[in-house]
Protein backbone atom coordinates (compact mmCIF):
# COMPACT_ATOMS: atom_id res chain seq x y z
CA MET A 1 -50.23 -19.44 25.83
CA SER A 2 -49.72 -15.79 25.37
CA SER A 3 -48.47 -14.24 22.18
CA SER A 4 -45.22 -13.37 24.06
CA ASN A 5 -44.64 -16.82 25.18
CA ARG A 6 -45.40 -18.14 21.70
CA GLY A 7 -42.74 -15.77 20.32
CA LEU A 8 -40.24 -16.87 22.84
CA LEU A 9 -40.86 -20.54 22.02
CA PHE A 10 -40.52 -19.88 18.32
CA CYS A 11 -37.17 -18.09 18.70
CA THR A 12 -36.12 -20.82 21.02
CA LEU A 13 -36.96 -23.65 18.66
CA LEU A 14 -35.49 -21.57 15.74
CA ALA A 15 -32.23 -21.14 17.49
CA SER A 16 -32.02 -24.85 18.45
CA PHE A 17 -32.74 -25.88 15.07
CA ALA A 18 -29.93 -23.60 13.56
CA LEU A 19 -27.58 -24.99 16.19
CA ALA A 20 -28.32 -28.65 15.03
CA SER A 21 -28.14 -27.65 11.25
CA PRO A 22 -24.99 -25.47 10.96
CA LEU A 23 -25.35 -25.52 7.10
CA LEU A 24 -28.44 -23.35 7.46
CA ALA A 25 -28.07 -19.74 7.76
CA ASN A 26 -30.71 -17.03 8.89
CA ILE A 27 -29.16 -14.73 6.26
CA GLN A 28 -28.05 -15.35 2.76
CA ILE A 29 -25.37 -13.47 0.74
CA ASP A 30 -26.63 -12.49 -2.68
CA PHE A 31 -23.78 -10.62 -4.23
CA PRO A 32 -20.94 -11.26 -4.64
CA ASN A 33 -21.75 -14.92 -4.40
CA GLY A 34 -19.13 -16.46 -6.55
CA GLY A 35 -17.83 -16.17 -10.03
CA GLU A 36 -17.69 -12.33 -10.24
CA SER A 37 -14.64 -10.26 -11.23
CA PHE A 38 -13.67 -6.94 -9.86
CA SER A 39 -10.69 -4.82 -9.78
CA VAL A 40 -8.94 -3.02 -6.86
CA ASP A 41 -10.64 0.33 -6.12
CA ASP A 42 -13.91 -0.88 -7.62
CA ASP A 43 -17.09 0.08 -5.49
CA VAL A 44 -18.90 -3.18 -4.83
CA THR A 45 -22.29 -3.27 -3.20
CA ILE A 46 -22.42 -6.23 -0.87
CA GLN A 47 -26.07 -7.52 -0.68
CA TRP A 48 -27.72 -10.11 1.66
CA THR A 49 -31.28 -11.15 2.39
CA VAL A 50 -32.72 -11.96 5.82
CA ILE A 51 -34.03 -15.65 5.84
CA ALA A 52 -35.48 -15.59 9.39
CA PRO A 53 -36.26 -12.68 11.81
CA PHE A 54 -34.12 -12.29 14.83
CA PRO A 55 -33.37 -9.38 17.22
CA THR A 56 -30.43 -8.12 15.16
CA GLN A 57 -28.25 -5.57 16.71
CA ASP A 58 -25.95 -4.86 13.91
CA TRP A 59 -23.81 -6.39 11.01
CA ASP A 60 -20.20 -7.45 10.72
CA ILE A 61 -18.57 -7.83 7.29
CA TYR A 62 -15.33 -9.54 6.27
CA TYR A 63 -13.49 -10.98 3.35
CA SER A 64 -10.93 -13.67 2.83
CA THR A 65 -8.26 -14.50 0.14
CA SER A 66 -7.49 -17.92 1.79
CA GLY A 67 -10.71 -19.88 1.81
CA ALA A 68 -14.31 -20.02 2.78
CA SER A 69 -13.24 -20.88 6.33
CA GLY A 70 -10.90 -17.69 6.64
CA PRO A 71 -8.77 -16.30 8.17
CA TRP A 72 -10.86 -13.13 7.73
CA THR A 73 -9.91 -9.49 7.24
CA THR A 74 -12.34 -7.00 8.46
CA ILE A 75 -14.43 -4.84 5.99
CA ALA A 76 -16.65 -3.17 8.55
CA LEU A 77 -17.85 -3.90 12.16
CA ASN A 78 -21.01 -2.92 13.88
CA VAL A 79 -22.83 -1.79 10.77
CA PRO A 80 -26.19 -0.21 11.88
CA VAL A 81 -29.35 -2.00 10.97
CA SER A 82 -31.26 -0.01 8.44
CA GLY A 83 -34.76 -0.78 8.18
CA SER A 84 -36.72 -4.03 8.86
CA VAL A 85 -34.96 -7.32 9.62
CA TRP A 86 -38.01 -9.33 8.90
CA ALA A 87 -37.67 -12.45 6.62
CA GLY A 88 -37.10 -11.46 2.99
CA THR A 89 -35.65 -7.83 3.68
CA VAL A 90 -32.50 -6.98 1.70
CA HIS A 91 -29.62 -5.30 3.14
CA THR A 92 -26.39 -3.79 1.48
CA TYR A 93 -23.08 -2.32 2.33
CA ASP A 94 -20.84 -0.31 -0.19
CA TRP A 95 -17.34 -1.63 -0.16
CA THR A 96 -14.42 -0.02 -2.04
CA VAL A 97 -12.12 -3.05 -2.78
CA PRO A 98 -8.62 -2.57 -1.21
CA SER A 99 -5.31 -3.64 -2.92
CA ALA A 100 -4.97 -6.23 -0.18
CA ALA A 101 -7.97 -8.10 -1.42
CA ALA A 102 -6.32 -8.71 -4.95
CA SER A 103 -6.53 -12.31 -5.51
CA PRO A 104 -8.01 -14.82 -7.91
CA THR A 105 -10.08 -16.31 -5.05
CA VAL A 106 -11.95 -13.97 -2.60
CA TRP A 107 -14.78 -14.65 -0.21
CA VAL A 108 -17.23 -12.41 1.51
CA ARG A 109 -18.69 -13.25 4.99
CA VAL A 110 -21.58 -11.41 6.68
CA VAL A 111 -22.39 -11.99 10.35
CA GLN A 112 -25.87 -11.19 11.79
CA ASP A 113 -24.88 -9.90 15.21
CA ASN A 114 -27.79 -10.59 17.49
CA SER A 115 -28.58 -10.00 21.00
CA GLY A 116 -28.28 -13.78 21.49
CA LEU A 117 -27.01 -16.41 18.88
CA ASP A 118 -25.24 -15.00 15.84
CA PHE A 119 -25.79 -16.18 12.45
CA GLU A 120 -23.73 -15.77 9.25
CA ASP A 121 -23.38 -16.68 5.56
CA VAL A 122 -20.27 -16.84 3.25
CA SER A 123 -20.20 -16.49 -0.57
CA ASN A 124 -21.05 -19.82 -2.11
CA ALA A 125 -17.90 -19.65 -4.26
CA PRO A 126 -14.90 -17.36 -4.77
CA PHE A 127 -14.77 -14.33 -6.92
CA GLU A 128 -11.95 -12.60 -8.39
CA VAL A 129 -10.14 -9.29 -7.57
CA GLN A 130 -7.65 -8.14 -10.14
CA GLY A 131 -4.77 -6.03 -9.06
CA ALA A 132 -4.10 -2.58 -10.79
CA ASP A 133 -0.86 -2.76 -12.75
CA VAL A 134 0.83 -5.25 -10.51
CA GLN A 135 4.55 -5.52 -11.03
CA PHE A 136 6.14 -8.96 -11.34
CA CYS A 137 9.24 -10.77 -12.66
CA ARG A 138 8.72 -13.08 -15.57
CA GLY A 139 9.64 -16.79 -14.91
CA ASP A 140 9.22 -16.55 -11.07
CA ALA A 141 6.19 -18.74 -11.05
CA ASN A 142 6.38 -19.48 -7.31
CA ALA A 143 6.94 -15.72 -6.45
CA ASP A 144 9.93 -16.64 -4.12
CA GLY A 145 11.99 -13.76 -5.72
CA GLY A 146 14.30 -16.07 -7.69
CA PHE A 147 14.33 -17.93 -11.14
CA ASP A 148 15.35 -21.52 -10.83
CA ILE A 149 14.20 -25.00 -11.55
CA ALA A 150 11.62 -24.67 -8.65
CA ASP A 151 9.66 -22.42 -10.90
CA ALA A 152 9.32 -24.97 -13.62
CA ILE A 153 8.15 -27.55 -10.97
CA TYR A 154 5.66 -25.20 -9.52
CA THR A 155 4.29 -24.46 -13.04
CA LEU A 156 3.93 -28.11 -13.83
CA ALA A 157 2.27 -28.81 -10.37
CA ALA A 158 -0.16 -25.99 -10.85
CA LEU A 159 -1.03 -27.45 -14.31
CA PHE A 160 -1.32 -31.07 -13.51
CA VAL A 161 -1.32 -31.82 -9.70
CA PRO A 162 -4.89 -31.39 -8.13
CA GLY A 163 -4.77 -29.47 -4.87
CA SER A 164 -1.62 -27.50 -5.74
CA PRO A 165 -1.62 -23.84 -4.72
CA VAL A 166 -3.34 -21.37 -6.94
CA LEU A 167 -0.94 -19.03 -9.03
CA THR A 168 -1.52 -15.46 -7.73
CA CYS A 169 0.32 -14.15 -10.81
CA VAL A 170 -0.30 -16.11 -13.91
CA ASP A 171 1.63 -13.56 -15.96
CA ALA A 172 4.81 -14.37 -14.04
CA ALA A 173 4.43 -18.19 -14.85
CA ASP A 174 3.93 -17.23 -18.62
CA SER A 175 7.60 -17.84 -19.31
CA ASN A 176 7.41 -17.75 -23.08
CA ASP A 177 5.15 -14.67 -23.12
CA ASP A 178 2.61 -16.12 -25.54
CA GLY A 179 -0.42 -15.14 -23.55
CA SER A 180 -1.38 -18.50 -22.36
CA PHE A 181 -0.44 -20.72 -19.54
CA ASP A 182 0.44 -24.30 -20.44
CA ILE A 183 3.27 -26.87 -20.42
CA SER A 184 5.25 -24.98 -22.99
CA ASP A 185 5.93 -22.31 -20.15
CA ALA A 186 7.63 -24.86 -17.95
CA ILE A 187 9.72 -26.20 -20.97
CA TYR A 188 10.70 -22.61 -21.99
CA SER A 189 11.67 -21.96 -18.37
CA LEU A 190 13.89 -25.08 -18.28
CA SER A 191 15.53 -24.25 -21.64
CA ALA A 192 16.32 -20.72 -20.44
CA GLN A 193 18.05 -22.07 -17.47
CA PHE A 194 19.88 -25.08 -18.92
CA VAL A 195 20.02 -25.06 -22.68
CA SER A 196 23.13 -23.04 -24.01
CA GLY A 197 21.83 -20.36 -26.56
CA ALA A 198 18.21 -20.60 -25.70
CA PRO A 199 16.28 -17.35 -25.73
CA VAL A 200 16.12 -15.40 -22.50
CA LEU A 201 12.88 -14.49 -21.05
CA SER A 202 10.87 -11.29 -22.12
CA ALA A 203 10.53 -8.34 -20.02
CA PRO A 204 9.90 -7.96 -17.13
CA PHE A 205 12.69 -10.41 -16.40
CA GLY A 206 15.45 -10.04 -13.74
CA ALA A 207 13.72 -6.97 -12.20
CA CYS A 208 10.17 -6.11 -11.32
CA GLY A 209 8.01 -4.45 -14.01
CA ILE A 210 4.66 -4.16 -15.57
CA ASP A 211 3.76 -6.64 -18.58
CA PRO A 212 4.41 -4.68 -21.68
CA THR A 213 2.33 -7.15 -23.83
CA THR A 214 -1.48 -7.30 -23.89
CA ASP A 215 -3.07 -10.77 -23.09
CA THR A 216 -5.90 -12.18 -21.18
CA LEU A 217 -3.52 -13.35 -18.21
CA ASP A 218 -3.68 -11.60 -15.11
CA CYS A 219 -1.42 -10.87 -12.00
CA ALA A 220 -3.60 -10.38 -8.87
CA ALA A 221 -0.40 -10.19 -6.49
CA PHE A 222 3.21 -10.61 -6.51
CA ALA A 223 4.83 -10.47 -3.12
CA PRO A 224 8.48 -9.96 -4.27
CA CYS A 225 7.65 -6.69 -6.07
CA PRO A 226 6.50 -3.49 -4.57
């Protein structure tokens, strides 16, 4: 068998194996790969490694704030191949994180755009992108633009019900403004609504604003505020 035929057979077998084993990728994302924390406007160098050589034409890069299955927002398309695409080679792309990516859970996806079968990899776990001075309304835990019993229920669900939606603005759910997120926030929220003479919530309450207190909680995004 000639060397060209052996190469063709190798690529055919490799492609067949990849189709039968979708969990295996011919590229591997190295960074960010889960657990990192960035802020809007940070310059992040996305890095990935080629696992198996293929006739790569270019790279497509995306991010998602919804999950490892997307939907995906484009970072860059048709990024030219720089250097070798042999196994073990490292490739990078410099990404300035946009405000739209602000979320406690973000994934990156890199697609190896080949002349035949494409391969891809996704971050193993989510990373965080913190918003820059995000405005919010305290007490509006479910970010629906109001303050009512639904916010206390949303808080309790986020704390105790597995699979509940992730809070995009924990600061808004910190009803008692003590710098922590726990059951006391739901109690404080209910008291403010239904107990006569109970303390009102601290600013920003009733209107959009920046948190005047310093704490470790964050607000990645709050849709009702500009």
